Full PDB file with SEQRES, HELIX, SHEET, SSBOND, CRYST1, ORIGX, SCALE, CONECT and MASTER records, all heavy atoms in Angstrom:
SEQRES   1 A   31  LEU ASP ASP GLY GLN ARG GLY GLY SER ALA PHE ILE SER          
SEQRES   2 A   31  LEU ALA THR GLU VAL ALA ALA MET HIS GLU THR ILE ARG          
SEQRES   3 A   31  GLN LEU ALA ASP ARG                                          
HELIX    1 AA1 SER A    9  ASP A   30  1                                  22    
CRYST1    1.000    1.000    1.000  90.00  90.00  90.00 P 1           1          
ORIGX1      1.000000  0.000000  0.000000        0.00000                         
ORIGX2      0.000000  1.000000  0.000000        0.00000                         
ORIGX3      0.000000  0.000000  1.000000        0.00000                         
SCALE1      1.000000  0.000000  0.000000        0.00000                         
SCALE2      0.000000  1.000000  0.000000        0.00000                         
SCALE3      0.000000  0.000000  1.000000        0.00000                         
ATOM      1  N   LEU A   1     -22.845 -17.647  -1.112  1.00  0.00           N  
ATOM      2  CA  LEU A   1     -23.017 -18.467   0.081  1.00  0.00           C  
ATOM      3  C   LEU A   1     -22.254 -17.844   1.238  1.00  0.00           C  
ATOM      4  O   LEU A   1     -21.162 -17.331   1.064  1.00  0.00           O  
ATOM      5  CB  LEU A   1     -22.484 -19.884  -0.165  1.00  0.00           C  
ATOM      6  CG  LEU A   1     -23.177 -20.684  -1.268  1.00  0.00           C  
ATOM      7  CD1 LEU A   1     -22.480 -22.017  -1.464  1.00  0.00           C  
ATOM      8  CD2 LEU A   1     -24.627 -20.901  -0.949  1.00  0.00           C  
ATOM      9  N   ASP A   2     -22.840 -17.900   2.433  1.00  0.00           N  
ATOM     10  CA  ASP A   2     -22.098 -17.422   3.595  1.00  0.00           C  
ATOM     11  C   ASP A   2     -21.178 -18.535   4.078  1.00  0.00           C  
ATOM     12  O   ASP A   2     -21.183 -19.648   3.542  1.00  0.00           O  
ATOM     13  CB  ASP A   2     -23.031 -16.914   4.695  1.00  0.00           C  
ATOM     14  CG  ASP A   2     -23.919 -18.006   5.293  1.00  0.00           C  
ATOM     15  OD1 ASP A   2     -23.483 -19.174   5.344  1.00  0.00           O  
ATOM     16  OD2 ASP A   2     -25.035 -17.689   5.724  1.00  0.00           O  
ATOM     17  N   ASP A   3     -20.369 -18.243   5.093  1.00  0.00           N  
ATOM     18  CA  ASP A   3     -19.373 -19.214   5.555  1.00  0.00           C  
ATOM     19  C   ASP A   3     -19.986 -20.538   5.971  1.00  0.00           C  
ATOM     20  O   ASP A   3     -19.394 -21.583   5.797  1.00  0.00           O  
ATOM     21  CB  ASP A   3     -18.557 -18.635   6.710  1.00  0.00           C  
ATOM     22  CG  ASP A   3     -17.609 -17.550   6.241  1.00  0.00           C  
ATOM     23  OD1 ASP A   3     -17.279 -17.550   5.041  1.00  0.00           O  
ATOM     24  OD2 ASP A   3     -17.203 -16.710   7.073  1.00  0.00           O  
ATOM     25  N   GLY A   4     -21.201 -20.520   6.498  1.00  0.00           N  
ATOM     26  CA  GLY A   4     -21.840 -21.748   6.932  1.00  0.00           C  
ATOM     27  C   GLY A   4     -22.388 -22.581   5.792  1.00  0.00           C  
ATOM     28  O   GLY A   4     -22.718 -23.730   5.967  1.00  0.00           O  
ATOM     29  N   GLN A   5     -22.494 -21.988   4.606  1.00  0.00           N  
ATOM     30  CA  GLN A   5     -23.076 -22.696   3.477  1.00  0.00           C  
ATOM     31  C   GLN A   5     -22.047 -23.120   2.451  1.00  0.00           C  
ATOM     32  O   GLN A   5     -22.352 -23.911   1.586  1.00  0.00           O  
ATOM     33  CB  GLN A   5     -24.103 -21.795   2.782  1.00  0.00           C  
ATOM     34  CG  GLN A   5     -25.273 -21.425   3.646  1.00  0.00           C  
ATOM     35  CD  GLN A   5     -26.147 -20.392   2.968  1.00  0.00           C  
ATOM     36  OE1 GLN A   5     -25.652 -19.495   2.310  1.00  0.00           O  
ATOM     37  NE2 GLN A   5     -27.437 -20.513   3.144  1.00  0.00           N  
ATOM     38  N   ARG A   6     -20.867 -22.562   2.499  1.00  0.00           N  
ATOM     39  CA  ARG A   6     -19.865 -22.842   1.461  1.00  0.00           C  
ATOM     40  C   ARG A   6     -19.524 -24.315   1.438  1.00  0.00           C  
ATOM     41  O   ARG A   6     -19.512 -24.983   2.455  1.00  0.00           O  
ATOM     42  CB  ARG A   6     -18.588 -22.046   1.730  1.00  0.00           C  
ATOM     43  CG  ARG A   6     -18.788 -20.621   1.363  1.00  0.00           C  
ATOM     44  CD  ARG A   6     -17.459 -19.930   1.126  1.00  0.00           C  
ATOM     45  NE  ARG A   6     -17.766 -18.619   0.608  1.00  0.00           N  
ATOM     46  CZ  ARG A   6     -17.652 -17.507   1.302  1.00  0.00           C  
ATOM     47  NH1 ARG A   6     -17.203 -17.538   2.514  1.00  0.00           N  
ATOM     48  NH2 ARG A   6     -17.975 -16.367   0.769  1.00  0.00           N  
ATOM     49  N   GLY A   7     -19.195 -24.756   0.240  1.00  0.00           N  
ATOM     50  CA  GLY A   7     -18.770 -26.138   0.081  1.00  0.00           C  
ATOM     51  C   GLY A   7     -17.377 -26.321   0.639  1.00  0.00           C  
ATOM     52  O   GLY A   7     -16.901 -25.538   1.447  1.00  0.00           O  
ATOM     53  N   GLY A   8     -16.699 -27.307   0.176  1.00  0.00           N  
ATOM     54  CA  GLY A   8     -15.385 -27.603   0.700  1.00  0.00           C  
ATOM     55  C   GLY A   8     -14.282 -26.939  -0.085  1.00  0.00           C  
ATOM     56  O   GLY A   8     -14.411 -25.825  -0.580  1.00  0.00           O  
ATOM     57  N   SER A   9     -13.219 -27.663  -0.212  1.00  0.00           N  
ATOM     58  CA  SER A   9     -12.004 -27.118  -0.812  1.00  0.00           C  
ATOM     59  C   SER A   9     -12.191 -26.729  -2.272  1.00  0.00           C  
ATOM     60  O   SER A   9     -11.538 -25.807  -2.744  1.00  0.00           O  
ATOM     61  CB  SER A   9     -10.876 -28.133  -0.682  1.00  0.00           C  
ATOM     62  OG  SER A   9     -11.235 -29.331  -1.341  1.00  0.00           O  
ATOM     63  N   ALA A  10     -13.088 -27.370  -2.989  1.00  0.00           N  
ATOM     64  CA  ALA A  10     -13.289 -27.025  -4.397  1.00  0.00           C  
ATOM     65  C   ALA A  10     -13.819 -25.598  -4.527  1.00  0.00           C  
ATOM     66  O   ALA A  10     -13.371 -24.845  -5.382  1.00  0.00           O  
ATOM     67  CB  ALA A  10     -14.257 -28.006  -5.059  1.00  0.00           C  
ATOM     68  N   PHE A  11     -14.747 -25.213  -3.660  1.00  0.00           N  
ATOM     69  CA  PHE A  11     -15.283 -23.854  -3.697  1.00  0.00           C  
ATOM     70  C   PHE A  11     -14.196 -22.847  -3.355  1.00  0.00           C  
ATOM     71  O   PHE A  11     -14.041 -21.833  -4.033  1.00  0.00           O  
ATOM     72  CB  PHE A  11     -16.452 -23.704  -2.718  1.00  0.00           C  
ATOM     73  CG  PHE A  11     -17.007 -22.308  -2.691  1.00  0.00           C  
ATOM     74  CD1 PHE A  11     -17.975 -21.926  -3.597  1.00  0.00           C  
ATOM     75  CD2 PHE A  11     -16.547 -21.377  -1.778  1.00  0.00           C  
ATOM     76  CE1 PHE A  11     -18.476 -20.642  -3.596  1.00  0.00           C  
ATOM     77  CE2 PHE A  11     -17.042 -20.097  -1.762  1.00  0.00           C  
ATOM     78  CZ  PHE A  11     -18.008 -19.724  -2.675  1.00  0.00           C  
ATOM     79  N   ILE A  12     -13.449 -23.118  -2.311  1.00  0.00           N  
ATOM     80  CA  ILE A  12     -12.387 -22.206  -1.878  1.00  0.00           C  
ATOM     81  C   ILE A  12     -11.340 -22.062  -2.969  1.00  0.00           C  
ATOM     82  O   ILE A  12     -10.883 -20.961  -3.278  1.00  0.00           O  
ATOM     83  CB  ILE A  12     -11.767 -22.695  -0.553  1.00  0.00           C  
ATOM     84  CG1 ILE A  12     -12.815 -22.580   0.561  1.00  0.00           C  
ATOM     85  CG2 ILE A  12     -10.515 -21.903  -0.198  1.00  0.00           C  
ATOM     86  CD1 ILE A  12     -12.465 -23.294   1.833  1.00  0.00           C  
ATOM     87  N   SER A  13     -10.974 -23.161  -3.595  1.00  0.00           N  
ATOM     88  CA  SER A  13      -9.993 -23.142  -4.671  1.00  0.00           C  
ATOM     89  C   SER A  13     -10.495 -22.302  -5.845  1.00  0.00           C  
ATOM     90  O   SER A  13      -9.755 -21.481  -6.398  1.00  0.00           O  
ATOM     91  CB  SER A  13      -9.704 -24.569  -5.129  1.00  0.00           C  
ATOM     92  OG  SER A  13      -8.856 -24.571  -6.240  1.00  0.00           O  
ATOM     93  N   LEU A  14     -11.744 -22.485  -6.215  1.00  0.00           N  
ATOM     94  CA  LEU A  14     -12.321 -21.727  -7.321  1.00  0.00           C  
ATOM     95  C   LEU A  14     -12.395 -20.240  -6.981  1.00  0.00           C  
ATOM     96  O   LEU A  14     -12.050 -19.388  -7.802  1.00  0.00           O  
ATOM     97  CB  LEU A  14     -13.706 -22.263  -7.661  1.00  0.00           C  
ATOM     98  CG  LEU A  14     -14.422 -21.599  -8.832  1.00  0.00           C  
ATOM     99  CD1 LEU A  14     -13.612 -21.736 -10.115  1.00  0.00           C  
ATOM    100  CD2 LEU A  14     -15.796 -22.199  -9.007  1.00  0.00           C  
ATOM    101  N   ALA A  15     -12.821 -19.913  -5.764  1.00  0.00           N  
ATOM    102  CA  ALA A  15     -12.912 -18.511  -5.350  1.00  0.00           C  
ATOM    103  C   ALA A  15     -11.537 -17.852  -5.362  1.00  0.00           C  
ATOM    104  O   ALA A  15     -11.391 -16.702  -5.791  1.00  0.00           O  
ATOM    105  CB  ALA A  15     -13.539 -18.417  -3.960  1.00  0.00           C  
ATOM    106  N   THR A  16     -10.518 -18.574  -4.938  1.00  0.00           N  
ATOM    107  CA  THR A  16      -9.151 -18.051  -4.941  1.00  0.00           C  
ATOM    108  C   THR A  16      -8.680 -17.799  -6.366  1.00  0.00           C  
ATOM    109  O   THR A  16      -8.073 -16.767  -6.665  1.00  0.00           O  
ATOM    110  CB  THR A  16      -8.202 -19.042  -4.229  1.00  0.00           C  
ATOM    111  OG1 THR A  16      -8.679 -19.248  -2.899  1.00  0.00           O  
ATOM    112  CG2 THR A  16      -6.781 -18.525  -4.192  1.00  0.00           C  
ATOM    113  N   GLU A  17      -8.972 -18.731  -7.256  1.00  0.00           N  
ATOM    114  CA  GLU A  17      -8.575 -18.589  -8.652  1.00  0.00           C  
ATOM    115  C   GLU A  17      -9.270 -17.400  -9.316  1.00  0.00           C  
ATOM    116  O   GLU A  17      -8.644 -16.632 -10.047  1.00  0.00           O  
ATOM    117  CB  GLU A  17      -8.889 -19.880  -9.409  1.00  0.00           C  
ATOM    118  CG  GLU A  17      -8.307 -19.928 -10.796  1.00  0.00           C  
ATOM    119  CD  GLU A  17      -8.477 -21.283 -11.459  1.00  0.00           C  
ATOM    120  OE1 GLU A  17      -8.572 -22.292 -10.757  1.00  0.00           O  
ATOM    121  OE2 GLU A  17      -8.513 -21.306 -12.700  1.00  0.00           O  
ATOM    122  N   VAL A  18     -10.552 -17.225  -9.039  1.00  0.00           N  
ATOM    123  CA  VAL A  18     -11.297 -16.089  -9.602  1.00  0.00           C  
ATOM    124  C   VAL A  18     -10.729 -14.774  -9.074  1.00  0.00           C  
ATOM    125  O   VAL A  18     -10.560 -13.808  -9.831  1.00  0.00           O  
ATOM    126  CB  VAL A  18     -12.805 -16.214  -9.302  1.00  0.00           C  
ATOM    127  CG1 VAL A  18     -13.545 -14.926  -9.604  1.00  0.00           C  
ATOM    128  CG2 VAL A  18     -13.412 -17.371 -10.091  1.00  0.00           C  
ATOM    129  N   ALA A  19     -10.404 -14.716  -7.787  1.00  0.00           N  
ATOM    130  CA  ALA A  19      -9.821 -13.500  -7.216  1.00  0.00           C  
ATOM    131  C   ALA A  19      -8.485 -13.173  -7.878  1.00  0.00           C  
ATOM    132  O   ALA A  19      -8.194 -12.005  -8.182  1.00  0.00           O  
ATOM    133  CB  ALA A  19      -9.642 -13.664  -5.710  1.00  0.00           C  
ATOM    134  N   ALA A  20      -7.676 -14.189  -8.131  1.00  0.00           N  
ATOM    135  CA  ALA A  20      -6.388 -13.973  -8.805  1.00  0.00           C  
ATOM    136  C   ALA A  20      -6.603 -13.460 -10.227  1.00  0.00           C  
ATOM    137  O   ALA A  20      -5.871 -12.576 -10.696  1.00  0.00           O  
ATOM    138  CB  ALA A  20      -5.575 -15.266  -8.816  1.00  0.00           C  
ATOM    139  N   MET A  21      -7.607 -13.987 -10.915  1.00  0.00           N  
ATOM    140  CA  MET A  21      -7.901 -13.529 -12.273  1.00  0.00           C  
ATOM    141  C   MET A  21      -8.349 -12.068 -12.263  1.00  0.00           C  
ATOM    142  O   MET A  21      -7.943 -11.283 -13.124  1.00  0.00           O  
ATOM    143  CB  MET A  21      -8.968 -14.427 -12.912  1.00  0.00           C  
ATOM    144  CG  MET A  21      -8.453 -15.829 -13.219  1.00  0.00           C  
ATOM    145  SD  MET A  21      -9.721 -17.035 -13.624  1.00  0.00           S  
ATOM    146  CE  MET A  21     -10.469 -16.328 -15.056  1.00  0.00           C  
ATOM    147  N   HIS A  22      -9.158 -11.697 -11.283  1.00  0.00           N  
ATOM    148  CA  HIS A  22      -9.599 -10.303 -11.173  1.00  0.00           C  
ATOM    149  C   HIS A  22      -8.403  -9.380 -10.950  1.00  0.00           C  
ATOM    150  O   HIS A  22      -8.327  -8.293 -11.545  1.00  0.00           O  
ATOM    151  CB  HIS A  22     -10.610 -10.146 -10.036  1.00  0.00           C  
ATOM    152  CG  HIS A  22     -12.002 -10.537 -10.410  1.00  0.00           C  
ATOM    153  ND1 HIS A  22     -12.822  -9.727 -11.142  1.00  0.00           N  
ATOM    154  CD2 HIS A  22     -12.715 -11.659 -10.161  1.00  0.00           C  
ATOM    155  CE1 HIS A  22     -13.983 -10.335 -11.327  1.00  0.00           C  
ATOM    156  NE2 HIS A  22     -13.937 -11.507 -10.748  1.00  0.00           N  
ATOM    157  N   GLU A  23      -7.470  -9.789 -10.119  1.00  0.00           N  
ATOM    158  CA  GLU A  23      -6.279  -8.974  -9.855  1.00  0.00           C  
ATOM    159  C   GLU A  23      -5.433  -8.842 -11.119  1.00  0.00           C  
ATOM    160  O   GLU A  23      -4.940  -7.757 -11.436  1.00  0.00           O  
ATOM    161  CB  GLU A  23      -5.449  -9.595  -8.720  1.00  0.00           C  
ATOM    162  CG  GLU A  23      -4.165  -8.858  -8.403  1.00  0.00           C  
ATOM    163  CD  GLU A  23      -4.367  -7.401  -7.981  1.00  0.00           C  
ATOM    164  OE1 GLU A  23      -5.475  -7.020  -7.572  1.00  0.00           O  
ATOM    165  OE2 GLU A  23      -3.384  -6.632  -8.083  1.00  0.00           O  
ATOM    166  N   THR A  24      -5.269  -9.906 -11.865  1.00  0.00           N  
ATOM    167  CA  THR A  24      -4.510  -9.849 -13.123  1.00  0.00           C  
ATOM    168  C   THR A  24      -5.181  -8.903 -14.115  1.00  0.00           C  
ATOM    169  O   THR A  24      -4.512  -8.094 -14.767  1.00  0.00           O  
ATOM    170  CB  THR A  24      -4.383 -11.264 -13.735  1.00  0.00           C  
ATOM    171  OG1 THR A  24      -3.702 -12.110 -12.803  1.00  0.00           O  
ATOM    172  CG2 THR A  24      -3.616 -11.237 -15.048  1.00  0.00           C  
ATOM    173  N   ILE A  25      -6.488  -8.977 -14.213  1.00  0.00           N  
ATOM    174  CA  ILE A  25      -7.223  -8.079 -15.113  1.00  0.00           C  
ATOM    175  C   ILE A  25      -7.036  -6.626 -14.678  1.00  0.00           C  
ATOM    176  O   ILE A  25      -6.835  -5.734 -15.510  1.00  0.00           O  
ATOM    177  CB  ILE A  25      -8.714  -8.469 -15.172  1.00  0.00           C  
ATOM    178  CG1 ILE A  25      -8.873  -9.812 -15.903  1.00  0.00           C  
ATOM    179  CG2 ILE A  25      -9.554  -7.372 -15.842  1.00  0.00           C  
ATOM    180  CD1 ILE A  25     -10.236 -10.431 -15.787  1.00  0.00           C  
ATOM    181  N   ARG A  26      -7.094  -6.368 -13.378  1.00  0.00           N  
ATOM    182  CA  ARG A  26      -6.895  -5.009 -12.875  1.00  0.00           C  
ATOM    183  C   ARG A  26      -5.509  -4.500 -13.238  1.00  0.00           C  
ATOM    184  O   ARG A  26      -5.345  -3.370 -13.706  1.00  0.00           O  
ATOM    185  CB  ARG A  26      -7.093  -4.949 -11.358  1.00  0.00           C  
ATOM    186  CG  ARG A  26      -7.069  -3.524 -10.787  1.00  0.00           C  
ATOM    187  CD  ARG A  26      -6.905  -3.507  -9.289  1.00  0.00           C  
ATOM    188  NE  ARG A  26      -5.667  -4.103  -8.823  1.00  0.00           N  
ATOM    189  CZ  ARG A  26      -4.454  -3.548  -8.946  1.00  0.00           C  
ATOM    190  NH1 ARG A  26      -4.311  -2.390  -9.532  1.00  0.00           N  
ATOM    191  NH2 ARG A  26      -3.382  -4.157  -8.482  1.00  0.00           N  
ATOM    192  N   GLN A  27      -4.488  -5.342 -13.056  1.00  0.00           N  
ATOM    193  CA  GLN A  27      -3.116  -4.949 -13.393  1.00  0.00           C  
ATOM    194  C   GLN A  27      -2.981  -4.673 -14.890  1.00  0.00           C  
ATOM    195  O   GLN A  27      -2.324  -3.705 -15.292  1.00  0.00           O  
ATOM    196  CB  GLN A  27      -2.128  -6.029 -12.958  1.00  0.00           C  
ATOM    197  CG  GLN A  27      -1.982  -6.138 -11.462  1.00  0.00           C  
ATOM    198  CD  GLN A  27      -1.142  -7.346 -11.048  1.00  0.00           C  
ATOM    199  OE1 GLN A  27      -0.726  -8.145 -11.876  1.00  0.00           O  
ATOM    200  NE2 GLN A  27      -0.892  -7.473  -9.751  1.00  0.00           N  
ATOM    201  N   LEU A  28      -3.577  -5.503 -15.716  1.00  0.00           N  
ATOM    202  CA  LEU A  28      -3.520  -5.293 -17.166  1.00  0.00           C  
ATOM    203  C   LEU A  28      -4.243  -4.002 -17.563  1.00  0.00           C  
ATOM    204  O   LEU A  28      -3.773  -3.269 -18.444  1.00  0.00           O  
ATOM    205  CB  LEU A  28      -4.122  -6.491 -17.904  1.00  0.00           C  
ATOM    206  CG  LEU A  28      -3.281  -7.769 -17.863  1.00  0.00           C  
ATOM    207  CD1 LEU A  28      -4.085  -8.946 -18.418  1.00  0.00           C  
ATOM    208  CD2 LEU A  28      -1.985  -7.597 -18.620  1.00  0.00           C  
ATOM    209  N   ALA A  29      -5.342  -3.709 -16.922  1.00  0.00           N  
ATOM    210  CA  ALA A  29      -6.066  -2.471 -17.210  1.00  0.00           C  
ATOM    211  C   ALA A  29      -5.214  -1.256 -16.846  1.00  0.00           C  
ATOM    212  O   ALA A  29      -5.170  -0.271 -17.592  1.00  0.00           O  
ATOM    213  CB  ALA A  29      -7.393  -2.443 -16.455  1.00  0.00           C  
ATOM    214  N   ASP A  30      -4.505  -1.332 -15.717  1.00  0.00           N  
ATOM    215  CA  ASP A  30      -3.602  -0.236 -15.321  1.00  0.00           C  
ATOM    216  C   ASP A  30      -2.492  -0.049 -16.349  1.00  0.00           C  
ATOM    217  O   ASP A  30      -2.171   1.085 -16.733  1.00  0.00           O  
ATOM    218  CB  ASP A  30      -2.986  -0.512 -13.943  1.00  0.00           C  
ATOM    219  CG  ASP A  30      -3.985  -0.395 -12.799  1.00  0.00           C  
ATOM    220  OD1 ASP A  30      -5.094   0.152 -13.024  1.00  0.00           O  
ATOM    221  OD2 ASP A  30      -3.653  -0.864 -11.691  1.00  0.00           O  
ATOM    222  N   ARG A  31      -1.913  -1.144 -16.791  1.00  0.00           N  
ATOM    223  CA  ARG A  31      -0.831  -1.057 -17.788  1.00  0.00           C  
ATOM    224  C   ARG A  31      -1.337  -0.475 -19.103  1.00  0.00           C  
ATOM    225  O   ARG A  31      -0.680   0.369 -19.713  1.00  0.00           O  
ATOM    226  CB  ARG A  31      -0.218  -2.441 -18.028  1.00  0.00           C  
ATOM    227  CG  ARG A  31       0.587  -2.945 -16.825  1.00  0.00           C  
ATOM    228  CD  ARG A  31       1.048  -4.355 -17.001  1.00  0.00           C  
ATOM    229  NE  ARG A  31       2.050  -4.456 -18.060  1.00  0.00           N  
ATOM    230  CZ  ARG A  31       2.568  -5.595 -18.469  1.00  0.00           C  
ATOM    231  NH1 ARG A  31       2.189  -6.732 -17.923  1.00  0.00           N  
ATOM    232  NH2 ARG A  31       3.456  -5.610 -19.423  1.00  0.00           N  
TER     233      ARG A  31                                                      
MASTER        0    0    0    1    0    0    0    6  232    1    0    3          
END                                                                             
């Protein structure tokens, strides 16, 4: 969804959580 279509805080919260999980996976892969 583009910025005009995104839902509210639940979508933003979920997107933030997924981004954090991706970063953790990247760090674990490096280690």
